[in-house]
Amino acid sequence: MDPLTRMNDGRPAIILDERMTSWRWSRGYAENVAHATVLAVVNDRAAGRIYNVAEPEALSMTEWIKAIGRATGWRGETVPLPHDQLPAHLQTPNHWDQDWVVDRREFVRNCATERTSQSRNRCVARWSGG
C-alpha cells in the first residue's frame, strides 16, 4: 500500500482495511539510520551489541498517512473498510493485530541522544518530495 502514489494521483481518499488503521510499526528515515550506524561504529560502548534503530515514536498507519499528507499538501482522508468489503487488490493476508515496534532506548543510552536525528516532519517532507 503506497499512500504517496495515491496522493500524487490526486485521489480524495485512501481506502484502508479497518484493522490496519491503528497498526503501528517502527520506521526510520535512511539518513537517520545511516547516522545511527556511524554512531554505533565509532562508539566503544556499542561494541558487540545489536541495536534497533527507528524513530522515537511509531505512528499508526492512519497517523503516517496524515503525516505524508501534511508534507505533500494532500487534503484527502482515509476511509477504513471491513476486510470483506475491500476491493480484491487491497485485501492482504496480513495480521494487523500485532504492532511491529522496536525499543530504541538502549541505542540512545549507549550511542546517541534524542537529538541526533532529523525530525519526522523534515524526513517525511524530504522523502515525499513535499
Protein backbone atom coordinates (compact mmCIF):
# COMPACT_ATOMS: atom_id res chain seq x y z
CA MET A 1 0.00 0.00 0.00
CA ASP A 2 1.67 3.15 -1.22
CA PRO A 3 -0.12 6.23 0.10
CA LEU A 4 2.24 8.67 -1.64
CA THR A 5 1.34 7.32 -5.09
CA ARG A 6 -2.34 7.62 -4.27
CA MET A 7 -1.83 11.20 -3.07
CA ASN A 8 0.18 12.13 -6.15
CA ASP A 9 -2.61 10.66 -8.28
CA GLY A 10 -4.92 13.23 -6.67
CA ARG A 11 -7.21 10.70 -5.03
CA PRO A 12 -9.56 12.30 -2.49
CA ALA A 13 -9.46 9.25 -0.23
CA ILE A 14 -7.25 6.31 0.63
CA ILE A 15 -9.10 3.13 1.48
CA LEU A 16 -7.64 1.02 4.29
CA ASP A 17 -8.50 -2.26 5.90
CA GLU A 18 -10.11 -1.11 9.15
CA ARG A 19 -7.78 -3.46 11.05
CA MET A 20 -4.80 -1.64 9.55
CA THR A 21 -5.77 1.89 10.63
CA SER A 22 -4.35 1.61 14.16
CA TRP A 23 -1.47 -0.74 13.26
CA ARG A 24 1.91 0.72 14.24
CA TRP A 25 5.38 -0.16 13.04
CA SER A 26 8.77 1.41 13.57
CA ARG A 27 10.06 3.42 10.68
CA GLY A 28 13.40 5.05 10.09
CA TYR A 29 14.48 7.66 7.58
CA ALA A 30 17.53 6.42 5.65
CA GLU A 31 19.79 9.35 6.63
CA ASN A 32 18.90 8.91 10.31
CA VAL A 33 19.57 5.16 10.15
CA ALA A 34 22.91 5.79 8.42
CA HIS A 35 23.82 8.36 11.08
CA ALA A 36 22.88 5.89 13.85
CA THR A 37 25.06 3.23 12.22
CA VAL A 38 28.05 5.58 12.20
CA LEU A 39 27.45 6.48 15.86
CA ALA A 40 27.37 2.78 16.80
CA VAL A 41 30.54 2.01 14.82
CA VAL A 42 32.62 4.79 16.39
CA ASN A 43 31.35 4.34 19.96
CA ASP A 44 33.28 1.82 22.09
CA ARG A 45 30.23 1.17 24.28
CA ALA A 46 28.43 -0.19 21.21
CA ALA A 47 30.99 -2.93 20.52
CA GLY A 48 29.44 -6.39 20.32
CA ARG A 49 25.88 -5.12 20.66
CA ILE A 50 22.90 -5.19 18.33
CA TYR A 51 20.62 -2.16 18.25
CA ASN A 52 17.17 -1.35 16.99
CA VAL A 53 17.17 1.99 15.25
CA ALA A 54 13.95 3.80 14.46
CA GLU A 55 12.03 6.98 15.10
CA PRO A 56 11.27 7.66 18.77
CA GLU A 57 7.54 7.12 18.24
CA ALA A 58 5.86 4.58 15.98
CA LEU A 59 2.86 6.11 14.23
CA SER A 60 -0.29 4.22 13.35
CA MET A 61 -0.93 3.72 9.66
CA THR A 62 -3.58 6.46 9.74
CA GLU A 63 -1.18 8.87 11.51
CA TRP A 64 1.55 8.02 8.98
CA ILE A 65 -0.73 8.73 6.03
CA LYS A 66 -1.76 12.04 7.61
CA ALA A 67 1.91 12.98 8.14
CA ILE A 68 2.63 12.31 4.47
CA GLY A 69 -0.49 14.28 3.53
CA ARG A 70 0.65 17.31 5.55
CA ALA A 71 4.08 17.20 3.89
CA THR A 72 2.63 17.00 0.38
CA GLY A 73 -0.38 19.26 0.80
CA TRP A 74 -2.82 16.38 0.25
CA ARG A 75 -6.18 17.20 1.79
CA GLY A 76 -7.86 13.83 1.41
CA GLU A 77 -8.98 11.39 4.04
CA THR A 78 -8.50 7.79 4.98
CA VAL A 79 -11.54 5.56 4.67
CA PRO A 80 -11.49 2.39 6.79
CA LEU A 81 -13.49 -0.55 5.46
CA PRO A 82 -14.08 -4.05 6.80
CA HIS A 83 -11.73 -6.56 5.18
CA ASP A 84 -14.55 -8.33 3.33
CA GLN A 85 -15.69 -5.05 1.75
CA LEU A 86 -12.28 -4.09 0.36
CA PRO A 87 -11.59 -4.34 -3.36
CA ALA A 88 -9.65 -7.54 -4.06
CA HIS A 89 -6.40 -5.68 -4.86
CA LEU A 90 -6.41 -4.10 -1.36
CA GLN A 91 -7.03 -7.32 0.55
CA THR A 92 -3.95 -8.79 2.19
CA PRO A 93 -3.43 -11.89 4.32
CA ASN A 94 -1.59 -9.77 6.91
CA HIS A 95 -2.49 -9.95 10.58
CA TRP A 96 -2.82 -6.36 11.72
CA ASP A 97 -3.44 -7.18 15.38
CA GLN A 98 0.26 -7.13 16.34
CA ASP A 99 2.29 -3.93 16.08
CA TRP A 100 5.93 -4.06 14.99
CA VAL A 101 7.52 -1.53 17.31
CA VAL A 102 11.18 -1.62 18.31
CA ASP A 103 12.69 -0.43 21.56
CA ARG A 104 15.47 2.02 20.75
CA ARG A 105 16.28 3.09 24.32
CA GLU A 106 19.49 1.07 24.59
CA PHE A 107 20.86 2.68 21.42
CA VAL A 108 20.05 6.14 22.77
CA ARG A 109 21.55 5.25 26.16
CA ASN A 110 24.83 3.96 24.71
CA CYS A 111 25.37 5.82 21.46
CA ALA A 112 23.23 8.86 20.96
CA THR A 113 20.75 11.36 22.23
CA GLU A 114 17.22 12.01 21.07
CA ARG A 115 18.60 14.99 19.12
CA THR A 116 20.94 13.05 16.84
CA SER A 117 18.37 12.59 14.09
CA GLN A 118 16.35 14.81 11.83
CA SER A 119 12.76 15.50 12.80
CA ARG A 120 9.97 13.31 11.43
CA ASN A 121 8.38 16.28 9.66
CA ARG A 122 11.61 17.10 7.85
CA CYS A 123 12.21 13.46 6.93
CA VAL A 124 8.68 12.92 5.62
CA ALA A 125 8.89 16.14 3.62
CA ARG A 126 12.23 15.15 2.07
CA TRP A 127 11.09 11.57 1.37
CA SER A 128 7.81 12.64 -0.21
CA GLY A 129 9.27 15.50 -2.21
CA GLY A 130 6.98 17.88 -0.31
